[in-house]
């Protein structure tokens, strides 16, 4: 006779506790295949539980195939293949990296307008209620796409049909959609130097990438070889801060028309230039439907707000709806409605203007501190108007690897311009640090200068 100590546990019915006990005995081999189980009445009396409890446990075992019932005979243990016990292999852990005292590679996210954002969230919750739980259009809610179109018109001078806007949770997701939309058979050209993650995303998506050679005006059309897709950031190249002039943009558009290709215009960080107004977007010059415009709110609001968007040419949007329209929108309706109001009520523009003033002041103080420090004669500041970072050329005999290692020993995390090159680094770009000051606090400035001196 089976004997178990059944104890009532919160949330676990008594029949389930009995089921677990019998199942454990079957799996461990205590109850052998073919062995007959006690009748429901006999087991109920032995365990001092109700017959309904035993019946519930037996029914569960029957449903999962642990036992079989023979009419007017009883219940028998089924033969269950024994699973081989494998000792779990611990995952290899990357060596722990100590946090730097100063990080000059990451972006800051202070001054986020929490009060405004939370007020809009409450409004959205009250106004939409259960409608927030309904399925979303694949391209994103119309209200947000209309608000983005209005923002592009006011800020970038772009006349965009909201029907050609596609919203997604981060540019990584949108890049992967583009790979499926444009095809894996095409060769993609990526700026060199450039943001290395883009190349990794394309490679992980199964497409071949080549380096797009650059000069003082941006990507060179004669260096695109057999590429059919060009990914570039003409209004603010990272990390050099280079702005592609209109004549070069026209040359690249002519290239796209000639090869029946596309240009992916990444407008990353263009709102934080301080010297001039942002240059007109390349899409504004396009008359042949060859430019795909991409941007994100993660940089201008906060990294955790994963809302990005792209504007597709009308013909390409038609292909998207036909081939990929089954995809669900990856941004929650709650966030979309909130951002739509944040944009349409002018709060985003106010936030950007406020952050421009903060970052301009911070940049000026960092530049002034470097120009007046005891080792200023060894430093040359380049591209100080290049958004939230600038380039700092260091007069040193150290290699790029040794320079970053020395900085790390001094507690500073920083990257060199050469680390963004895939090919050979030109001599003039060696020993050049990319200083991202957006996350640097005022009280840390003096310590940063001291530690930078120790690193170089």
Protein backbone atom coordinates (compact mmCIF):
# COMPACT_ATOMS: atom_id res chain seq x y z
CA UNK A 1 0.00 0.00 0.00
CA UNK A 2 1.26 3.48 -0.90
CA UNK A 3 2.02 5.69 2.07
CA UNK A 4 2.53 9.44 1.76
CA UNK A 5 2.44 12.36 4.15
CA UNK A 6 0.20 14.84 2.40
CA UNK A 7 0.39 18.37 3.72
CA UNK A 8 -1.76 21.22 2.60
CA UNK A 9 0.28 23.94 0.91
CA UNK A 10 -0.99 27.37 -0.14
CA UNK A 11 -2.11 27.24 -3.75
CA UNK A 12 -1.54 23.46 -4.13
CA UNK A 13 -4.72 21.30 -4.00
CA UNK A 14 -4.46 18.03 -2.05
CA UNK A 15 -5.08 15.90 -5.16
CA UNK A 16 -2.12 17.61 -6.90
CA UNK A 17 0.14 16.90 -3.93
CA UNK A 18 -0.81 13.20 -4.17
CA UNK A 19 -0.31 13.22 -7.94
CA UNK A 20 3.20 14.63 -7.51
CA UNK A 21 4.11 11.96 -4.96
CA UNK A 22 2.96 9.07 -7.18
CA UNK A 23 4.59 10.59 -10.27
CA UNK A 24 7.90 10.97 -8.42
CA UNK A 25 7.78 7.27 -7.40
CA UNK A 26 7.08 6.24 -11.02
CA UNK A 27 9.93 8.36 -12.42
CA UNK A 28 12.40 7.19 -9.76
CA UNK A 29 11.53 3.51 -10.28
CA UNK A 30 9.97 2.91 -6.86
CA UNK A 31 6.77 1.98 -8.71
CA UNK A 32 7.68 -0.49 -11.46
CA UNK A 33 6.12 -0.69 -14.95
CA UNK A 34 3.04 -2.91 -14.88
CA UNK A 35 2.66 -2.64 -11.09
CA UNK A 36 -0.96 -2.33 -10.00
CA UNK A 37 -1.94 0.69 -7.94
CA UNK A 38 -4.35 0.50 -4.98
CA UNK A 39 -7.99 1.10 -5.70
CA UNK A 40 -9.24 4.62 -5.19
CA UNK A 41 -11.28 3.60 -2.13
CA UNK A 42 -8.41 1.64 -0.52
CA UNK A 43 -5.86 4.42 -1.07
CA UNK A 44 -8.29 7.05 0.23
CA UNK A 45 -8.83 5.09 3.43
CA UNK A 46 -5.09 4.47 3.91
CA UNK A 47 -4.17 8.13 3.45
CA UNK A 48 -7.24 9.40 5.29
CA UNK A 49 -8.33 11.61 2.40
CA UNK A 50 -11.48 11.72 0.34
CA UNK A 51 -12.04 9.40 -2.58
CA UNK A 52 -12.42 12.52 -4.76
CA UNK A 53 -8.82 13.50 -3.91
CA UNK A 54 -7.48 10.12 -5.07
CA UNK A 55 -9.66 10.19 -8.16
CA UNK A 56 -8.30 13.63 -9.09
CA UNK A 57 -4.71 12.43 -8.73
CA UNK A 58 -5.33 9.26 -10.78
CA UNK A 59 -7.10 11.25 -13.51
CA UNK A 60 -4.11 13.57 -13.80
CA UNK A 61 -1.70 10.62 -14.02
CA UNK A 62 -3.92 9.04 -16.66
CA UNK A 63 -4.05 12.25 -18.70
CA UNK A 64 -0.25 12.54 -18.70
CA UNK A 65 0.34 8.88 -19.53
CA UNK A 66 1.98 7.76 -16.28
CA UNK A 67 -0.66 5.08 -15.63
CA UNK A 68 -3.30 3.21 -17.60
CA UNK A 69 -6.74 2.06 -16.51
CA UNK A 70 -8.20 -1.36 -17.19
CA UNK A 71 -11.98 -1.49 -16.81
CA UNK A 72 -13.12 -3.48 -13.76
CA UNK A 73 -9.50 -4.43 -13.01
CA UNK A 74 -7.73 -1.29 -11.82
CA UNK A 75 -4.84 1.06 -12.58
CA UNK A 76 -1.34 0.02 -13.67
CA UNK A 77 1.96 1.88 -13.99
CA UNK A 78 2.99 2.56 -17.56
CA UNK A 79 6.53 2.02 -18.78
CA UNK A 80 8.19 5.40 -18.86
CA UNK A 81 11.53 5.69 -20.69
CA UNK A 82 14.17 6.68 -18.15
CA UNK A 83 15.74 10.02 -18.95
CA UNK A 84 19.51 10.08 -18.80
CA UNK A 85 20.68 12.32 -16.01
CA UNK A 86 23.13 14.87 -17.28
CA UNK A 87 25.07 17.05 -14.92
CA UNK A 88 24.45 20.66 -15.78
CA UNK A 89 27.46 22.39 -17.28
CA UNK A 90 27.84 25.89 -15.90
CA UNK A 91 27.88 28.59 -18.54
CA UNK A 92 31.22 30.21 -19.10
CA UNK A 93 31.19 33.57 -17.43
CA UNK A 94 33.01 36.53 -18.83
CA UNK A 95 35.63 37.83 -16.45
CA UNK A 96 34.18 40.49 -14.19
CA UNK A 97 35.13 43.96 -15.34
CA UNK A 98 35.60 46.52 -12.65
CA UNK A 99 33.60 49.68 -13.17
CA UNK A 100 35.75 52.62 -14.29
CA UNK A 101 35.94 55.74 -12.19
CA UNK A 102 35.14 57.72 -15.32
CA UNK A 103 33.35 56.46 -18.42
CA UNK A 104 33.92 58.62 -21.49
CA UNK A 105 32.23 56.18 -23.86
CA UNK A 106 28.61 56.15 -22.67
CA UNK A 107 25.75 58.60 -23.00
CA UNK A 108 24.06 60.45 -20.19
CA UNK A 109 20.33 60.37 -19.55
CA UNK A 110 19.83 62.99 -16.86
CA UNK A 111 17.18 65.71 -16.98
CA UNK A 112 14.58 63.31 -18.31
CA UNK A 113 11.19 65.12 -18.05
CA UNK A 114 9.67 62.65 -15.58
CA UNK A 115 6.88 64.96 -14.40
CA UNK A 116 5.65 65.70 -17.93
CA UNK A 117 6.02 62.10 -19.07
CA UNK A 118 4.16 60.68 -16.06
CA UNK A 119 1.34 63.24 -16.46
CA UNK A 120 0.89 62.23 -20.08
CA UNK A 121 0.90 58.56 -19.09
CA UNK A 122 -1.92 59.18 -16.61
CA UNK A 123 -3.88 61.02 -19.30
CA UNK A 124 -3.41 58.17 -21.74
CA UNK A 125 -4.54 55.61 -19.17
CA UNK A 126 -7.68 57.60 -18.36
CA UNK A 127 -8.54 58.46 -21.97
CA UNK A 128 -7.96 55.06 -23.57
CA UNK A 129 -8.46 52.54 -20.75
CA UNK A 130 -9.13 49.06 -22.11
CA UNK A 131 -8.43 50.23 -25.68
CA UNK A 132 -4.74 50.03 -24.74
CA UNK A 133 -5.14 46.23 -24.69
CA UNK A 134 -6.32 45.97 -28.30
CA UNK A 135 -4.04 44.73 -31.12
CA UNK A 136 -1.88 47.39 -32.79
CA UNK A 137 -1.38 48.24 -36.47
CA UNK A 138 1.87 46.73 -37.75
CA UNK A 139 3.29 50.17 -38.56
CA UNK A 140 2.38 51.72 -35.20
CA UNK A 141 -0.62 53.75 -34.08
CA UNK A 142 -1.73 56.53 -36.50
CA UNK A 143 -1.47 59.19 -33.77
CA UNK A 144 2.25 58.56 -33.24
CA UNK A 145 3.03 58.34 -36.96
CA UNK A 146 1.23 61.65 -37.53
CA UNK A 147 3.13 63.23 -34.64
CA UNK A 148 6.45 61.97 -36.05
CA UNK A 149 5.55 63.38 -39.48
CA UNK A 150 4.81 66.75 -37.85
CA UNK A 151 8.12 66.65 -35.98
CA UNK A 152 10.07 65.86 -39.16
CA UNK A 153 8.41 68.74 -40.98
CA UNK A 154 9.17 71.24 -38.20
CA UNK A 155 12.65 70.04 -37.29
CA UNK A 156 14.05 68.57 -40.51
CA UNK A 157 11.94 70.27 -43.18
CA UNK A 158 10.75 66.89 -44.44
CA UNK A 159 7.29 66.40 -45.90
CA UNK A 160 6.45 62.80 -44.99
CA UNK A 161 3.28 60.78 -45.42
CA UNK A 162 2.47 59.16 -42.02
CA UNK A 163 1.45 56.08 -44.00
CA UNK A 164 5.10 55.54 -44.94
CA UNK A 165 6.35 55.60 -41.32
CA UNK A 166 7.10 52.35 -39.49
CA UNK A 167 7.59 52.32 -35.69
CA UNK A 168 9.69 49.68 -33.94
CA UNK A 169 11.36 48.90 -30.61
CA UNK A 170 14.85 50.17 -31.36
CA UNK A 171 16.83 50.51 -34.57
CA UNK A 172 18.23 46.98 -34.14
CA UNK A 173 14.76 45.59 -34.85
CA UNK A 174 14.26 47.91 -37.81
CA UNK A 175 17.62 46.94 -39.34
CA UNK A 176 16.58 43.29 -39.22
CA UNK A 177 13.29 44.15 -40.92
CA UNK A 178 15.22 45.94 -43.66
CA UNK A 179 17.40 42.88 -44.23
CA UNK A 180 14.26 40.84 -44.87
CA UNK A 181 12.71 43.60 -46.96
CA UNK A 182 15.71 44.36 -49.19
CA UNK A 183 17.01 40.80 -49.35
CA UNK A 184 20.01 38.90 -48.06
CA UNK A 185 21.43 38.55 -51.56
CA UNK A 186 22.48 42.20 -51.66
CA UNK A 187 25.86 43.54 -50.52
CA UNK A 188 25.66 46.21 -47.81
CA UNK A 189 28.26 49.00 -47.55
CA UNK A 190 28.92 50.47 -44.09
CA UNK A 191 30.98 53.57 -43.29
CA UNK A 192 34.61 53.01 -42.31
CA UNK A 193 35.26 54.32 -39.71
CA UNK A 194 31.81 53.85 -38.26
CA UNK A 195 29.59 52.48 -35.53
CA UNK A 196 30.67 48.84 -35.30
CA UNK A 197 27.37 47.49 -34.01
CA UNK A 198 25.68 48.19 -37.34
CA UNK A 199 28.10 45.92 -39.16
CA UNK A 200 27.52 43.19 -36.55
CA UNK A 201 23.73 43.40 -36.94
CA UNK A 202 23.94 43.06 -40.71
CA UNK A 203 26.43 40.18 -40.45
CA UNK A 204 24.21 38.39 -37.92
CA UNK A 205 21.32 38.85 -40.36
CA UNK A 206 23.20 36.89 -42.99
CA UNK A 207 24.19 39.65 -45.38
CA UNK A 208 27.65 40.45 -46.71
CA UNK A 209 29.11 43.77 -45.58
CA UNK A 210 31.90 45.78 -47.14
CA UNK A 211 33.60 48.93 -45.90
CA UNK A 212 32.56 52.20 -47.55
CA UNK A 213 35.71 54.27 -47.95
CA UNK A 214 35.47 57.90 -46.83
CA UNK A 215 37.21 61.18 -47.43
CA UNK A 216 36.69 64.71 -46.12
CA UNK A 217 33.21 64.86 -47.69
CA UNK A 218 31.90 61.52 -46.51
CA UNK A 219 31.42 58.22 -48.34
CA UNK A 220 33.14 58.02 -51.72
CA UNK A 221 30.80 56.77 -54.50
CA UNK A 222 33.74 55.19 -56.33
CA UNK A 223 34.52 52.93 -53.38
CA UNK A 224 31.21 51.06 -53.19
CA UNK A 225 32.27 48.20 -55.49
CA UNK A 226 29.32 45.82 -55.95
CA UNK A 227 27.22 47.15 -53.05
CA UNK A 228 23.50 47.68 -53.55
CA UNK A 229 22.67 49.08 -50.10
CA UNK A 230 24.61 51.91 -48.44
CA UNK A 231 24.23 52.67 -44.74
CA UNK A 232 25.48 56.13 -43.81
CA UNK A 233 24.91 59.07 -41.46
CA UNK A 234 25.31 62.13 -43.72
CA UNK A 235 24.10 64.78 -41.26
CA UNK A 236 26.38 63.75 -38.42
CA UNK A 237 28.84 60.93 -38.91
CA UNK A 238 29.96 58.99 -35.89
CA UNK A 239 32.65 59.16 -34.65
CA UNK A 240 34.24 61.89 -36.82
CA UNK A 241 31.33 64.37 -36.73
CA UNK A 242 31.66 64.83 -40.48
CA UNK A 243 28.74 66.41 -42.40
CA UNK A 244 28.31 65.26 -46.00
CA UNK A 245 27.86 68.30 -48.31
CA UNK A 246 25.01 68.48 -50.78
CA UNK A 247 27.11 67.76 -53.86
CA UNK A 248 28.36 64.47 -52.40
CA UNK A 249 24.81 63.56 -51.36
CA UNK A 250 23.66 64.07 -54.93
CA UNK A 251 26.49 61.84 -56.17
CA UNK A 252 25.43 59.08 -53.78
CA UNK A 253 21.79 59.40 -54.87
CA UNK A 254 22.91 59.09 -58.48
CA UNK A 255 24.85 55.95 -57.52
CA UNK A 256 21.71 54.45 -55.94
CA UNK A 257 19.65 55.12 -59.06
CA UNK A 258 22.33 53.70 -61.34
CA UNK A 259 22.71 50.38 -59.48
CA UNK A 260 19.00 50.09 -58.53
CA UNK A 261 20.06 50.29 -54.88
CA UNK A 262 19.06 52.01 -51.66
CA UNK A 263 20.60 54.44 -49.18
CA UNK A 264 19.79 53.95 -45.50
CA UNK A 265 20.05 57.41 -43.97
CA UNK A 266 20.76 57.08 -40.26
CA UNK A 267 19.99 60.49 -38.73
CA UNK A 268 21.41 59.51 -35.34
CA UNK A 269 22.21 62.38 -32.95
CA UNK A 270 21.64 65.13 -35.53
CA UNK A 271 19.55 67.20 -33.08
CA UNK A 272 22.60 67.83 -30.87
CA UNK A 273 24.79 69.81 -33.26
CA UNK A 274 25.62 73.19 -31.77
CA UNK A 275 27.40 75.11 -34.52
CA UNK A 276 24.60 75.28 -37.10
CA UNK A 277 21.08 74.07 -37.71
CA UNK A 278 20.89 70.45 -38.88
CA UNK A 279 21.50 70.07 -42.60
CA UNK A 280 18.45 69.01 -44.67
CA UNK A 281 17.94 65.27 -44.62
CA UNK A 282 19.14 63.31 -47.63
CA UNK A 283 15.59 62.01 -48.11
CA UNK A 284 14.52 65.59 -48.87
CA UNK A 285 16.78 65.51 -51.95
CA UNK A 286 15.57 62.12 -53.12
CA UNK A 287 13.24 62.11 -56.12
CA UNK A 288 13.59 58.47 -57.07
CA UNK A 289 12.44 56.65 -53.92
CA UNK A 290 15.96 55.48 -53.05
CA UNK A 291 16.39 56.75 -49.47
CA UNK A 292 15.23 55.00 -46.30
CA UNK A 293 15.27 57.43 -43.37
CA UNK A 294 15.89 56.12 -39.83
CA UNK A 295 15.96 57.79 -36.43
CA UNK A 296 15.39 56.98 -32.78
CA UNK A 297 14.17 58.62 -29.58
CA UNK A 298 16.52 56.50 -27.45
CA UNK A 299 19.36 59.03 -27.78
CA UNK A 300 17.33 62.20 -27.28
CA UNK A 301 15.12 60.94 -24.41
CA UNK A 302 16.69 57.92 -22.68
CA UNK A 303 18.36 54.66 -23.79
CA UNK A 304 15.61 52.59 -22.14
CA UNK A 305 12.88 54.22 -24.26
CA UNK A 306 13.17 51.82 -27.17
CA UNK A 307 11.13 53.70 -29.74
CA UNK A 308 12.62 54.15 -33.20
CA UNK A 309 11.13 54.67 -36.62
CA UNK A 310 11.94 54.59 -40.31
CA UNK A 311 10.38 56.27 -43.31
CA UNK A 312 10.17 54.03 -46.36
CA UNK A 313 9.75 55.19 -49.97
CA UNK A 314 6.11 54.56 -51.05
CA UNK A 315 6.99 51.67 -53.38
CA UNK A 316 9.05 49.97 -50.66
CA UNK A 317 6.28 50.44 -48.09
CA UNK A 318 3.90 48.66 -50.48
CA UNK A 319 6.34 45.73 -50.61
CA UNK A 320 6.57 45.75 -46.81
CA UNK A 321 2.80 45.56 -46.41
CA UNK A 322 2.62 42.70 -48.87
CA UNK A 323 5.54 40.61 -47.58
CA UNK A 324 6.10 41.62 -43.95
CA UNK A 325 2.82 43.17 -42.89
CA UNK A 326 2.14 40.15 -40.69
CA UNK A 327 4.69 41.38 -38.12
CA UNK A 328 3.19 42.82 -34.94
CA UNK A 329 4.29 46.26 -33.79
CA UNK A 330 6.96 45.82 -31.10
CA UNK A 331 6.20 48.99 -29.11
CA UNK A 332 3.35 48.96 -26.59
CA UNK A 333 0.36 51.18 -27.29
CA UNK A 334 0.80 52.82 -23.88
CA UNK A 335 4.27 54.12 -24.82
CA UNK A 336 3.16 55.08 -28.32
CA UNK A 337 0.21 57.18 -27.18
CA UNK A 338 2.40 58.85 -24.54
CA UNK A 339 5.13 59.75 -27.03
CA UNK A 340 2.54 60.96 -29.54
CA UNK A 341 1.27 63.52 -27.04
CA UNK A 342 4.82 64.41 -25.97
CA UNK A 343 5.62 65.27 -29.59
CA UNK A 344 2.37 66.92 -30.67
CA UNK A 345 2.21 69.20 -27.61
CA UNK A 346 5.71 70.57 -28.16
CA UNK A 347 7.23 68.89 -25.09
CA UNK A 348 9.87 67.09 -27.14
CA UNK A 349 11.05 70.35 -28.72
CA UNK A 350 11.27 71.98 -25.28
CA UNK A 351 13.25 69.02 -23.97
CA UNK A 352 15.70 69.12 -26.88
CA UNK A 353 16.21 72.88 -26.54
CA UNK A 354 16.84 72.50 -22.81
CA UNK A 355 19.31 69.64 -23.35
CA UNK A 356 21.14 71.57 -26.08
CA UNK A 357 21.83 74.37 -23.60
CA UNK A 358 23.00 71.93 -20.94
CA UNK A 359 25.26 69.99 -23.30
CA UNK A 360 26.64 73.14 -24.95
CA UNK A 361 27.62 74.51 -21.54
CA UNK A 362 29.11 71.17 -20.51
CA UNK A 363 31.06 70.88 -23.77
CA UNK A 364 32.45 74.41 -23.38
CA UNK A 365 33.59 73.72 -19.84
CA UNK A 366 35.28 70.46 -20.81
CA UNK A 367 37.01 72.11 -23.77
CA UNK A 368 38.11 75.09 -21.64
CA UNK A 369 39.46 72.75 -18.96
CA UNK A 370 41.49 70.81 -21.52
CA UNK A 371 42.83 73.94 -23.20
CA UNK A 372 43.98 75.40 -19.87
CA UNK A 373 45.32 72.21 -18.25
CA UNK A 374 49.10 71.81 -17.58
CA UNK A 375 49.54 69.40 -20.51
CA UNK A 376 47.43 71.34 -23.04
CA UNK A 377 50.42 71.59 -25.38
CA UNK A 378 50.09 67.85 -26.01
CA UNK A 379 46.39 68.02 -26.91
CA UNK A 380 44.53 69.07 -30.04
CA UNK A 381 40.73 69.22 -30.02
CA UNK A 382 39.03 68.21 -33.26
CA UNK A 383 35.34 68.31 -34.19
CA UNK A 384 34.27 70.00 -30.96
CA UNK A 385 30.83 70.67 -32.46
CA UNK A 386 30.21 67.02 -33.35
CA UNK A 387 27.19 66.41 -31.15
CA UNK A 388 27.77 64.86 -27.73
CA UNK A 389 31.39 63.93 -28.29
CA UNK A 390 34.57 65.41 -29.71
CA UNK A 391 37.95 64.08 -30.83
CA UNK A 392 41.06 64.68 -28.76
CA UNK A 393 44.36 64.19 -30.59
CA UNK A 394 47.14 63.30 -28.15
CA UNK A 395 50.82 63.93 -28.83
CA UNK A 396 52.22 60.60 -27.63
CA UNK A 397 54.47 57.79 -28.77
CA UNK A 398 52.02 55.23 -27.39
CA UNK A 399 50.02 53.01 -29.72
CA UNK A 400 46.23 53.18 -29.60
CA UNK A 401 46.10 49.92 -27.63
CA UNK A 402 48.71 51.14 -25.13
CA UNK A 403 46.98 54.51 -24.82
CA UNK A 404 43.58 53.01 -23.91
CA UNK A 405 45.30 50.55 -21.56
CA UNK A 406 47.07 53.40 -19.76
CA UNK A 407 43.78 55.26 -19.45
CA UNK A 408 42.11 52.13 -18.08
CA UNK A 409 44.86 51.84 -15.45
CA UNK A 410 44.06 55.42 -14.47
CA UNK A 411 40.36 54.50 -14.12
CA UNK A 412 39.13 55.98 -17.41
CA UNK A 413 37.16 54.03 -19.99
CA UNK A 414 37.70 55.63 -23.38
CA UNK A 415 37.98 54.53 -27.02
CA UNK A 416 40.28 55.70 -29.74
CA UNK A 417 39.17 56.85 -33.16
CA UNK A 418 41.24 54.02 -34.62
CA UNK A 419 39.06 51.43 -32.86
CA UNK A 420 36.18 52.42 -35.16
CA UNK A 421 38.17 51.59 -38.29
CA UNK A 422 37.84 48.19 -39.87
CA UNK A 423 40.73 48.76 -42.24
CA UNK A 424 44.04 50.54 -41.81
CA UNK A 425 43.99 53.61 -39.56
CA UNK A 426 45.42 56.75 -41.22
CA UNK A 427 48.35 58.29 -39.41
CA UNK A 428 46.44 61.49 -38.64
CA UNK A 429 43.71 59.49 -36.85
CA UNK A 430 46.04 57.57 -34.56
CA UNK A 431 46.44 58.52 -30.87
CA UNK A 432 43.06 60.24 -31.12
CA UNK A 433 40.54 59.75 -28.29
CA UNK A 434 36.75 59.91 -28.73
CA UNK A 435 35.57 61.92 -25.73
CA UNK A 436 31.87 61.46 -24.97
CA UNK A 437 31.13 64.12 -22.37
CA UNK A 438 27.34 63.75 -22.17
CA UNK A 439 27.52 61.60 -19.04
CA UNK A 440 30.28 63.63 -17.36
CA UNK A 441 29.16 65.52 -14.27
CA UNK A 442 30.43 68.97 -13.36
CA UNK A 443 31.95 67.75 -10.10
CA UNK A 444 33.89 65.07 -12.00
CA UNK A 445 35.59 67.43 -14.43
CA UNK A 446 38.70 68.22 -12.38
CA UNK A 447 39.17 64.56 -11.51
CA UNK A 448 38.72 63.63 -15.19
CA UNK A 449 41.48 66.02 -16.25
CA UNK A 450 43.83 64.68 -13.58
CA UNK A 451 43.20 61.08 -14.50
CA UNK A 452 43.49 61.82 -18.20
CA UNK A 453 46.93 63.28 -17.55
CA UNK A 454 47.88 60.05 -15.78
CA UNK A 455 46.59 58.03 -18.73
CA UNK A 456 48.40 59.82 -21.54
